[in-house]
């Protein structure tokens, strides 16, 4: 299993100059949020690899978990230093830029965007019960581990379930054990 930091570094190192410039512009326009977003990226990738070692990097259940966790963590971390509304704006900028910088097939992109939205929705669903300063990663992981039990395998974009995590590739279901 590769270190999340190594994976992120290798991904960034492979970007073209124009893509690096777009990433740089996001980072300098929101430096504190960018640090929080980077930490959320590392944390989500590492946790997804731990919980779903065979599908965290593909298009399976682990990928659905990783994307939802990633956005929920961006929201939680950024909300510690600003409002949830501002955190959401940054989260969408960051995750949309990710989809542009690292393009996928249409269905894969739709799956990622959908699962990103599930993570944002989960954060806002949990927000009334937990003061944003006290959000812990474990709270989000616990909720997502329950939510992942009802994840839906889809083959077309119109099959996406509104409040369910979705995945598109048959993966090793031993991850679910």
N, C-alpha and C. Protein backbone atom coordinates (compact mmCIF):
# COMPACT_ATOMS: atom_id res chain seq x y z
N UNK A 1 0.86 -1.18 0.00
CA UNK A 1 0.00 0.00 0.00
C UNK A 1 0.90 1.23 0.00
N UNK A 2 0.68 2.11 -0.98
CA UNK A 2 1.48 3.33 -1.09
C UNK A 2 0.98 4.38 -0.11
N UNK A 3 1.91 5.19 0.36
CA UNK A 3 1.57 6.28 1.27
C UNK A 3 0.68 7.29 0.56
N UNK A 4 -0.35 7.80 1.25
CA UNK A 4 -1.21 8.81 0.62
C UNK A 4 -0.43 10.05 0.16
N UNK A 5 0.58 10.44 0.91
CA UNK A 5 1.36 11.62 0.52
C UNK A 5 2.10 11.35 -0.79
N UNK A 6 2.64 10.14 -0.94
CA UNK A 6 3.35 9.78 -2.18
C UNK A 6 2.38 9.79 -3.35
N UNK A 7 1.19 9.25 -3.15
CA UNK A 7 0.19 9.21 -4.23
C UNK A 7 -0.19 10.62 -4.66
N UNK A 8 -0.43 11.50 -3.70
CA UNK A 8 -0.80 12.88 -4.02
C UNK A 8 0.36 13.57 -4.74
N UNK A 9 1.58 13.38 -4.23
CA UNK A 9 2.75 13.99 -4.87
C UNK A 9 2.90 13.51 -6.32
N UNK A 10 2.79 12.21 -6.53
CA UNK A 10 2.93 11.66 -7.89
C UNK A 10 1.84 12.19 -8.81
N UNK A 11 0.64 12.32 -8.30
CA UNK A 11 -0.46 12.85 -9.11
C UNK A 11 -0.18 14.28 -9.53
N UNK A 12 0.28 15.09 -8.59
CA UNK A 12 0.57 16.49 -8.89
C UNK A 12 1.77 16.61 -9.83
N UNK A 13 2.77 15.77 -9.62
CA UNK A 13 3.98 15.81 -10.45
C UNK A 13 3.69 15.50 -11.91
N UNK A 14 2.63 14.79 -12.19
CA UNK A 14 2.27 14.42 -13.56
C UNK A 14 1.39 15.44 -14.26
N UNK A 15 1.05 16.53 -13.59
CA UNK A 15 0.19 17.55 -14.20
C UNK A 15 0.97 18.42 -15.19
N UNK A 16 0.28 18.88 -16.20
CA UNK A 16 0.88 19.81 -17.16
C UNK A 16 1.07 21.17 -16.48
N UNK A 17 1.84 22.04 -17.12
CA UNK A 17 2.07 23.38 -16.56
C UNK A 17 0.76 24.13 -16.37
N UNK A 18 -0.14 24.06 -17.35
CA UNK A 18 -1.42 24.78 -17.24
C UNK A 18 -2.26 24.25 -16.08
N UNK A 19 -2.26 22.94 -15.91
CA UNK A 19 -3.02 22.37 -14.80
C UNK A 19 -2.38 22.75 -13.45
N UNK A 20 -1.07 22.75 -13.40
CA UNK A 20 -0.38 23.17 -12.17
C UNK A 20 -0.71 24.63 -11.84
N UNK A 21 -0.78 25.45 -12.86
CA UNK A 21 -1.12 26.86 -12.67
C UNK A 21 -2.53 27.00 -12.09
N UNK A 22 -3.48 26.24 -12.60
CA UNK A 22 -4.86 26.29 -12.07
C UNK A 22 -4.89 25.86 -10.61
N UNK A 23 -4.13 24.81 -10.29
CA UNK A 23 -4.05 24.34 -8.90
C UNK A 23 -3.42 25.42 -8.02
N UNK A 24 -2.34 26.02 -8.50
CA UNK A 24 -1.66 27.08 -7.76
C UNK A 24 -2.60 28.25 -7.49
N UNK A 25 -3.38 28.63 -8.47
CA UNK A 25 -4.32 29.74 -8.29
C UNK A 25 -5.36 29.44 -7.21
N UNK A 26 -5.82 28.20 -7.15
CA UNK A 26 -6.76 27.83 -6.09
C UNK A 26 -6.06 27.92 -4.73
N UNK A 27 -4.84 27.41 -4.67
CA UNK A 27 -4.10 27.39 -3.41
C UNK A 27 -3.83 28.80 -2.88
N UNK A 28 -3.41 29.70 -3.74
CA UNK A 28 -3.09 31.05 -3.27
C UNK A 28 -4.33 31.89 -3.01
N UNK A 29 -5.44 31.56 -3.65
CA UNK A 29 -6.66 32.32 -3.40
C UNK A 29 -7.30 31.97 -2.06
N UNK A 30 -7.01 30.78 -1.54
CA UNK A 30 -7.56 30.32 -0.25
C UNK A 30 -6.50 29.50 0.50
N UNK A 31 -5.43 30.13 0.99
CA UNK A 31 -4.34 29.34 1.55
C UNK A 31 -4.72 28.49 2.77
N UNK A 32 -5.50 29.01 3.69
CA UNK A 32 -5.88 28.21 4.86
C UNK A 32 -6.82 27.07 4.48
N UNK A 33 -7.80 27.39 3.67
CA UNK A 33 -8.70 26.33 3.19
C UNK A 33 -7.91 25.28 2.41
N UNK A 34 -6.92 25.72 1.64
CA UNK A 34 -6.11 24.78 0.85
C UNK A 34 -5.36 23.81 1.76
N UNK A 35 -4.81 24.34 2.86
CA UNK A 35 -4.14 23.45 3.82
C UNK A 35 -5.13 22.44 4.40
N UNK A 36 -6.30 22.91 4.75
CA UNK A 36 -7.33 22.02 5.30
C UNK A 36 -7.74 20.98 4.25
N UNK A 37 -7.90 21.44 3.00
CA UNK A 37 -8.27 20.54 1.92
C UNK A 37 -7.20 19.51 1.64
N UNK A 38 -5.93 19.92 1.70
CA UNK A 38 -4.82 18.98 1.50
C UNK A 38 -4.82 17.93 2.59
N UNK A 39 -5.00 18.37 3.84
CA UNK A 39 -5.03 17.42 4.95
C UNK A 39 -6.22 16.46 4.79
N UNK A 40 -7.36 16.96 4.39
CA UNK A 40 -8.53 16.11 4.16
C UNK A 40 -8.25 15.09 3.06
N UNK A 41 -7.53 15.51 2.02
CA UNK A 41 -7.18 14.60 0.91
C UNK A 41 -6.32 13.45 1.41
N UNK A 42 -5.28 13.77 2.18
CA UNK A 42 -4.37 12.76 2.71
C UNK A 42 -5.13 11.82 3.65
N UNK A 43 -5.92 12.40 4.53
CA UNK A 43 -6.67 11.61 5.53
C UNK A 43 -7.68 10.69 4.84
N UNK A 44 -8.44 11.22 3.90
CA UNK A 44 -9.46 10.41 3.22
C UNK A 44 -8.82 9.28 2.42
N UNK A 45 -7.74 9.56 1.71
CA UNK A 45 -7.09 8.52 0.92
C UNK A 45 -6.55 7.43 1.83
N UNK A 46 -5.91 7.80 2.92
CA UNK A 46 -5.36 6.81 3.86
C UNK A 46 -6.43 5.96 4.50
N UNK A 47 -7.51 6.59 4.94
CA UNK A 47 -8.60 5.82 5.57
C UNK A 47 -9.30 4.90 4.57
N UNK A 48 -9.47 5.38 3.35
CA UNK A 48 -10.10 4.54 2.33
C UNK A 48 -9.21 3.33 2.02
N UNK A 49 -7.91 3.52 1.97
CA UNK A 49 -7.00 2.40 1.73
C UNK A 49 -7.05 1.39 2.87
N UNK A 50 -7.19 1.88 4.09
CA UNK A 50 -7.27 0.99 5.25
C UNK A 50 -8.57 0.18 5.24
N UNK A 51 -9.67 0.86 5.01
CA UNK A 51 -10.99 0.22 5.12
C UNK A 51 -11.36 -0.60 3.88
N UNK A 52 -10.89 -0.15 2.71
CA UNK A 52 -11.26 -0.79 1.44
C UNK A 52 -10.01 -0.96 0.56
N UNK A 53 -9.08 -1.81 0.98
CA UNK A 53 -7.80 -1.90 0.28
C UNK A 53 -7.88 -2.30 -1.19
N UNK A 54 -8.89 -3.06 -1.57
CA UNK A 54 -8.94 -3.50 -2.97
C UNK A 54 -9.76 -2.59 -3.88
N UNK A 55 -10.45 -1.61 -3.32
CA UNK A 55 -11.30 -0.78 -4.18
C UNK A 55 -11.19 0.72 -3.92
N UNK A 56 -10.29 1.14 -3.05
CA UNK A 56 -10.18 2.57 -2.73
C UNK A 56 -9.69 3.39 -3.92
N UNK A 57 -8.89 2.79 -4.78
CA UNK A 57 -8.33 3.54 -5.90
C UNK A 57 -9.03 3.28 -7.22
N UNK A 58 -9.96 2.36 -7.26
CA UNK A 58 -10.66 2.05 -8.50
C UNK A 58 -11.97 2.79 -8.59
N UNK A 59 -12.99 2.08 -9.02
CA UNK A 59 -14.33 2.67 -9.14
C UNK A 59 -15.34 1.94 -8.26
N UNK A 60 -14.85 1.19 -7.31
CA UNK A 60 -15.72 0.37 -6.48
C UNK A 60 -16.21 1.07 -5.23
N UNK A 61 -16.63 0.27 -4.29
CA UNK A 61 -17.21 0.76 -3.05
C UNK A 61 -16.22 1.64 -2.29
N UNK A 62 -14.96 1.25 -2.29
CA UNK A 62 -13.94 2.05 -1.60
C UNK A 62 -13.79 3.44 -2.19
N UNK A 63 -13.94 3.55 -3.50
CA UNK A 63 -13.88 4.85 -4.16
C UNK A 63 -15.06 5.72 -3.75
N UNK A 64 -16.24 5.12 -3.66
CA UNK A 64 -17.42 5.86 -3.22
C UNK A 64 -17.21 6.39 -1.80
N UNK A 65 -16.70 5.52 -0.94
CA UNK A 65 -16.39 5.90 0.44
C UNK A 65 -15.38 7.05 0.46
N UNK A 66 -14.30 6.91 -0.32
CA UNK A 66 -13.22 7.91 -0.33
C UNK A 66 -13.73 9.28 -0.75
N UNK A 67 -14.53 9.33 -1.81
CA UNK A 67 -15.01 10.64 -2.28
C UNK A 67 -15.96 11.29 -1.27
N UNK A 68 -16.85 10.52 -0.69
CA UNK A 68 -17.78 11.08 0.30
C UNK A 68 -17.02 11.52 1.55
N UNK A 69 -16.06 10.70 1.98
CA UNK A 69 -15.26 11.06 3.15
C UNK A 69 -14.44 12.31 2.87
N UNK A 70 -13.86 12.37 1.69
CA UNK A 70 -13.02 13.52 1.32
C UNK A 70 -13.79 14.83 1.45
N UNK A 71 -14.96 14.90 0.85
CA UNK A 71 -15.71 16.15 0.89
C UNK A 71 -16.24 16.45 2.29
N UNK A 72 -16.66 15.42 3.02
CA UNK A 72 -17.13 15.65 4.39
C UNK A 72 -15.98 16.17 5.26
N UNK A 73 -14.77 15.64 5.05
CA UNK A 73 -13.62 16.12 5.82
C UNK A 73 -13.23 17.54 5.42
N UNK A 74 -13.26 17.84 4.13
CA UNK A 74 -12.98 19.22 3.71
C UNK A 74 -13.96 20.16 4.42
N UNK A 75 -15.23 19.80 4.41
CA UNK A 75 -16.24 20.61 5.06
C UNK A 75 -15.96 20.76 6.56
N UNK A 76 -15.67 19.64 7.22
CA UNK A 76 -15.44 19.67 8.67
C UNK A 76 -14.21 20.50 9.02
N UNK A 77 -13.12 20.28 8.30
CA UNK A 77 -11.88 21.00 8.61
C UNK A 77 -11.99 22.49 8.28
N UNK A 78 -12.54 22.82 7.13
CA UNK A 78 -12.67 24.23 6.75
C UNK A 78 -13.68 24.96 7.63
N UNK A 79 -14.69 24.24 8.11
CA UNK A 79 -15.69 24.86 8.97
C UNK A 79 -15.14 25.18 10.35
N UNK A 80 -14.01 24.61 10.69
CA UNK A 80 -13.38 24.95 11.97
C UNK A 80 -12.76 26.35 11.93
N UNK A 81 -12.46 26.84 10.71
CA UNK A 81 -11.83 28.16 10.60
C UNK A 81 -12.71 29.20 9.90
N UNK A 82 -13.87 28.75 9.43
CA UNK A 82 -14.79 29.67 8.75
C UNK A 82 -16.20 29.10 8.83
N UNK A 83 -17.11 29.71 8.12
CA UNK A 83 -18.50 29.26 8.16
C UNK A 83 -18.69 28.02 7.27
N UNK A 84 -19.68 27.20 7.58
CA UNK A 84 -19.97 26.05 6.72
C UNK A 84 -20.32 26.46 5.28
N UNK A 85 -20.94 27.61 5.11
CA UNK A 85 -21.29 28.06 3.77
C UNK A 85 -20.04 28.39 2.95
N UNK A 86 -19.07 29.07 3.57
CA UNK A 86 -17.81 29.37 2.87
C UNK A 86 -17.02 28.09 2.63
N UNK A 87 -17.08 27.18 3.59
CA UNK A 87 -16.40 25.89 3.43
C UNK A 87 -16.97 25.13 2.23
N UNK A 88 -18.29 25.19 2.07
CA UNK A 88 -18.92 24.50 0.94
C UNK A 88 -18.48 25.10 -0.39
N UNK A 89 -18.41 26.41 -0.46
CA UNK A 89 -17.97 27.07 -1.70
C UNK A 89 -16.56 26.60 -2.06
N UNK A 90 -15.67 26.59 -1.07
CA UNK A 90 -14.30 26.13 -1.34
C UNK A 90 -14.28 24.65 -1.70
N UNK A 91 -15.03 23.86 -0.96
CA UNK A 91 -15.07 22.42 -1.20
C UNK A 91 -15.48 22.12 -2.65
N UNK A 92 -16.50 22.81 -3.12
CA UNK A 92 -16.94 22.62 -4.50
C UNK A 92 -15.88 23.07 -5.49
N UNK A 93 -15.21 24.19 -5.21
CA UNK A 93 -14.12 24.64 -6.09
C UNK A 93 -13.02 23.59 -6.15
N UNK A 94 -12.64 23.08 -5.00
CA UNK A 94 -11.54 22.11 -4.94
C UNK A 94 -11.90 20.80 -5.62
N UNK A 95 -13.08 20.28 -5.33
CA UNK A 95 -13.46 18.99 -5.90
C UNK A 95 -13.78 19.10 -7.39
N UNK A 96 -14.37 20.20 -7.81
CA UNK A 96 -14.60 20.40 -9.24
C UNK A 96 -13.28 20.54 -9.99
N UNK A 97 -12.32 21.23 -9.39
CA UNK A 97 -11.00 21.35 -10.02
C UNK A 97 -10.33 19.98 -10.11
N UNK A 98 -10.48 19.19 -9.08
CA UNK A 98 -9.93 17.83 -9.12
C UNK A 98 -10.48 17.05 -10.32
N UNK A 99 -11.78 17.16 -10.53
CA UNK A 99 -12.40 16.44 -11.66
C UNK A 99 -11.90 16.97 -13.00
N UNK A 100 -11.57 18.25 -13.07
CA UNK A 100 -11.02 18.81 -14.32
C UNK A 100 -9.56 18.43 -14.52
N UNK A 101 -8.78 18.43 -13.44
CA UNK A 101 -7.35 18.14 -13.56
C UNK A 101 -7.07 16.66 -13.81
N UNK A 102 -7.92 15.82 -13.27
CA UNK A 102 -7.74 14.37 -13.40
C UNK A 102 -9.00 13.78 -14.03
N UNK A 103 -9.16 13.99 -15.33
CA UNK A 103 -10.42 13.61 -15.99
C UNK A 103 -10.64 12.09 -16.01
N UNK A 104 -11.90 11.74 -15.92
CA UNK A 104 -12.37 10.35 -15.99
C UNK A 104 -13.35 10.22 -17.15
N UNK A 105 -13.77 8.99 -17.38
CA UNK A 105 -14.88 8.76 -18.30
C UNK A 105 -16.12 9.45 -17.72
N UNK A 106 -17.13 9.68 -18.56
CA UNK A 106 -18.34 10.39 -18.14
C UNK A 106 -18.98 9.77 -16.90
N UNK A 107 -19.20 8.45 -16.92
CA UNK A 107 -19.88 7.80 -15.81
C UNK A 107 -19.04 7.87 -14.54
N UNK A 108 -17.73 7.70 -14.66
CA UNK A 108 -16.85 7.79 -13.49
C UNK A 108 -16.90 9.19 -12.88
N UNK A 109 -16.89 10.21 -13.73
CA UNK A 109 -16.96 11.58 -13.24
C UNK A 109 -18.30 11.83 -12.54
N UNK A 110 -19.39 11.36 -13.15
CA UNK A 110 -20.71 11.53 -12.53
C UNK A 110 -20.76 10.83 -11.18
N UNK A 111 -20.16 9.65 -11.09
CA UNK A 111 -20.12 8.91 -9.82
C UNK A 111 -19.35 9.72 -8.78
N UNK A 112 -18.18 10.23 -9.16
CA UNK A 112 -17.36 10.99 -8.21
C UNK A 112 -18.09 12.25 -7.73
N UNK A 113 -18.67 12.99 -8.66
CA UNK A 113 -19.40 14.21 -8.30
C UNK A 113 -20.58 13.88 -7.40
N UNK A 114 -21.29 12.81 -7.71
CA UNK A 114 -22.43 12.39 -6.89
C UNK A 114 -21.97 12.05 -5.46
N UNK A 115 -20.92 11.24 -5.36
CA UNK A 115 -20.44 10.84 -4.03
C UNK A 115 -19.84 12.02 -3.27
N UNK A 116 -19.24 12.97 -3.99
CA UNK A 116 -18.77 14.20 -3.35
C UNK A 116 -19.96 14.93 -2.71
N UNK A 117 -21.07 15.01 -3.43
CA UNK A 117 -22.25 15.68 -2.91
C UNK A 117 -22.82 14.94 -1.70
N UNK A 118 -22.74 13.62 -1.70
CA UNK A 118 -23.21 12.84 -0.55
C UNK A 118 -22.39 13.22 0.69
N UNK A 119 -21.09 13.39 0.53
CA UNK A 119 -20.24 13.80 1.65
C UNK A 119 -20.60 15.18 2.18
N UNK A 120 -20.84 16.11 1.29
CA UNK A 120 -21.25 17.46 1.70
C UNK A 120 -22.59 17.40 2.42
N UNK A 121 -23.53 16.64 1.87
CA UNK A 121 -24.85 16.50 2.50
C UNK A 121 -24.73 15.85 3.87
N UNK A 122 -23.87 14.84 3.99
CA UNK A 122 -23.68 14.18 5.28
C UNK A 122 -23.17 15.17 6.32
N UNK A 123 -22.22 16.01 5.94
CA UNK A 123 -21.72 17.02 6.87
C UNK A 123 -22.86 17.90 7.35
N UNK A 124 -23.66 18.42 6.43
CA UNK A 124 -24.76 19.31 6.82
C UNK A 124 -25.84 18.57 7.61
N UNK A 125 -26.01 17.29 7.35
CA UNK A 125 -26.96 16.47 8.12
C UNK A 125 -26.48 16.32 9.56
N UNK A 126 -25.18 16.19 9.75
CA UNK A 126 -24.61 16.00 11.09
C UNK A 126 -24.44 17.31 11.84
N UNK A 127 -24.35 18.43 11.12
CA UNK A 127 -24.01 19.72 11.71
C UNK A 127 -24.92 20.15 12.87
N UNK A 128 -26.23 19.99 12.79
CA UNK A 128 -27.06 20.44 13.92
C UNK A 128 -26.77 19.70 15.23
N UNK A 129 -26.25 18.48 15.16
CA UNK A 129 -26.01 17.69 16.37
C UNK A 129 -24.61 17.84 16.94
N UNK A 130 -23.69 18.42 16.17
CA UNK A 130 -22.30 18.54 16.61
C UNK A 130 -21.82 19.94 16.27
N UNK A 131 -21.33 20.67 17.26
CA UNK A 131 -20.78 21.99 16.97
C UNK A 131 -19.61 21.81 16.02
N UNK A 132 -19.52 22.66 15.03
CA UNK A 132 -18.52 22.48 13.97
C UNK A 132 -17.09 22.46 14.50
N UNK A 133 -16.83 23.07 15.64
CA UNK A 133 -15.48 23.05 16.21
C UNK A 133 -15.12 21.67 16.78
N UNK A 134 -16.13 20.84 17.01
CA UNK A 134 -15.89 19.55 17.65
C UNK A 134 -16.05 18.36 16.71
N UNK A 135 -16.17 18.63 15.43
CA UNK A 135 -16.26 17.54 14.45
C UNK A 135 -14.98 16.71 14.50
N UNK A 136 -15.13 15.43 14.54
CA UNK A 136 -14.00 14.50 14.50
C UNK A 136 -14.13 13.61 13.28
N UNK A 137 -13.01 13.21 12.74
CA UNK A 137 -13.00 12.32 11.58
C UNK A 137 -13.78 11.04 11.88
N UNK A 138 -13.63 10.53 13.09
CA UNK A 138 -14.30 9.26 13.44
C UNK A 138 -15.82 9.36 13.35
N UNK A 139 -16.38 10.53 13.64
CA UNK A 139 -17.84 10.70 13.54
C UNK A 139 -18.29 10.48 12.10
N UNK A 140 -17.54 11.06 11.17
CA UNK A 140 -17.90 10.96 9.75
C UNK A 140 -17.68 9.55 9.25
N UNK A 141 -16.56 8.94 9.62
CA UNK A 141 -16.26 7.57 9.18
C UNK A 141 -17.35 6.63 9.66
N UNK A 142 -17.76 6.78 10.91
CA UNK A 142 -18.82 5.93 11.48
C UNK A 142 -20.10 6.02 10.66
N UNK A 143 -20.53 7.23 10.34
CA UNK A 143 -21.75 7.42 9.54
C UNK A 143 -21.59 6.85 8.13
N UNK A 144 -20.41 7.05 7.53
CA UNK A 144 -20.19 6.55 6.17
C UNK A 144 -20.13 5.02 6.12
N UNK A 145 -19.60 4.41 7.18
CA UNK A 145 -19.55 2.94 7.21
C UNK A 145 -20.97 2.36 7.24
N UNK A 146 -21.89 3.06 7.85
CA UNK A 146 -23.30 2.64 7.83
C UNK A 146 -23.87 2.89 6.44
N UNK A 147 -23.60 4.06 5.90
CA UNK A 147 -24.13 4.45 4.59
C UNK A 147 -23.61 3.55 3.47
N UNK A 148 -22.39 3.07 3.60
CA UNK A 148 -21.78 2.27 2.54
C UNK A 148 -22.50 0.92 2.40
N UNK A 149 -23.18 0.49 3.43
CA UNK A 149 -23.91 -0.78 3.38
C UNK A 149 -25.03 -0.76 2.33
N UNK A 150 -25.52 0.43 2.01
CA UNK A 150 -26.59 0.54 1.02
C UNK A 150 -26.10 1.14 -0.30
N UNK A 151 -24.78 1.14 -0.51
CA UNK A 151 -24.22 1.67 -1.77
C UNK A 151 -24.79 0.89 -2.95
N UNK A 152 -25.00 1.59 -4.05
CA UNK A 152 -25.69 1.03 -5.21
C UNK A 152 -24.72 0.89 -6.39
N UNK A 153 -24.68 -0.29 -6.98
CA UNK A 153 -23.92 -0.51 -8.21
C UNK A 153 -24.75 0.04 -9.36
N UNK A 154 -24.16 0.95 -10.14
CA UNK A 154 -24.87 1.53 -11.28
C UNK A 154 -24.09 1.29 -12.56
N UNK A 155 -24.82 1.28 -13.66
CA UNK A 155 -24.18 1.11 -14.97
C UNK A 155 -24.47 2.28 -15.91
N UNK A 156 -25.43 3.13 -15.52
CA UNK A 156 -25.80 4.31 -16.31
C UNK A 156 -26.02 5.49 -15.37
N UNK A 157 -25.80 6.70 -15.88
CA UNK A 157 -25.93 7.89 -15.05
C UNK A 157 -27.33 8.06 -14.49
N UNK A 158 -28.35 7.65 -15.20
CA UNK A 158 -29.71 7.87 -14.71
C UNK A 158 -30.12 6.88 -13.61
N UNK A 159 -29.23 6.00 -13.22
CA UNK A 159 -29.53 5.04 -12.16
C UNK A 159 -29.12 5.56 -10.78
N UNK A 160 -28.48 6.72 -10.69
CA UNK A 160 -27.98 7.22 -9.42
C UNK A 160 -29.13 7.45 -8.45
N UNK A 161 -28.96 6.95 -7.25
CA UNK A 161 -29.94 7.13 -6.19
C UNK A 161 -29.60 8.43 -5.47
N UNK A 162 -30.60 9.24 -5.19
CA UNK A 162 -30.37 10.58 -4.67
C UNK A 162 -29.51 10.62 -3.41
N UNK A 163 -29.83 9.85 -2.40
CA UNK A 163 -29.11 9.93 -1.12
C UNK A 163 -28.23 8.71 -0.85
N UNK A 164 -27.94 7.93 -1.87
CA UNK A 164 -27.11 6.74 -1.69
C UNK A 164 -25.76 6.92 -2.35
N UNK A 165 -24.75 6.35 -1.74
CA UNK A 165 -23.45 6.28 -2.40
C UNK A 165 -23.58 5.35 -3.59
N UNK A 166 -22.84 5.62 -4.64
CA UNK A 166 -22.89 4.77 -5.83
C UNK A 166 -21.48 4.38 -6.25
N UNK A 167 -21.39 3.24 -6.89
CA UNK A 167 -20.14 2.79 -7.47
C UNK A 167 -20.47 2.13 -8.79
N UNK A 168 -19.46 2.05 -9.69
CA UNK A 168 -19.77 1.55 -11.02
C UNK A 168 -19.04 0.29 -11.39
N UNK A 169 -18.05 -0.10 -10.61
CA UNK A 169 -17.29 -1.30 -10.97
C UNK A 169 -17.54 -2.40 -9.97
N UNK A 170 -17.71 -3.59 -10.49
CA UNK A 170 -17.73 -4.74 -9.57
C UNK A 170 -16.37 -4.76 -8.91
N UNK A 171 -16.34 -4.85 -7.63
CA UNK A 171 -15.06 -4.91 -6.94
C UNK A 171 -15.06 -6.07 -5.97
N UNK A 172 -13.98 -6.22 -5.28
CA UNK A 172 -13.83 -7.31 -4.34
C UNK A 172 -14.67 -7.00 -3.11
N UNK A 173 -15.77 -7.70 -2.94
CA UNK A 173 -16.66 -7.42 -1.82
C UNK A 173 -16.11 -7.91 -0.50
N UNK A 174 -14.89 -8.50 -0.50
CA UNK A 174 -14.27 -8.83 0.77
C UNK A 174 -13.95 -7.56 1.55
N UNK A 175 -13.90 -6.41 0.86
CA UNK A 175 -13.73 -5.13 1.54
C UNK A 175 -14.85 -4.88 2.54
N UNK A 176 -16.01 -5.42 2.25
CA UNK A 176 -17.20 -5.16 3.09
C UNK A 176 -17.21 -6.00 4.36
N UNK A 177 -16.33 -6.95 4.48
CA UNK A 177 -16.34 -7.85 5.65
C UNK A 177 -15.89 -7.15 6.92
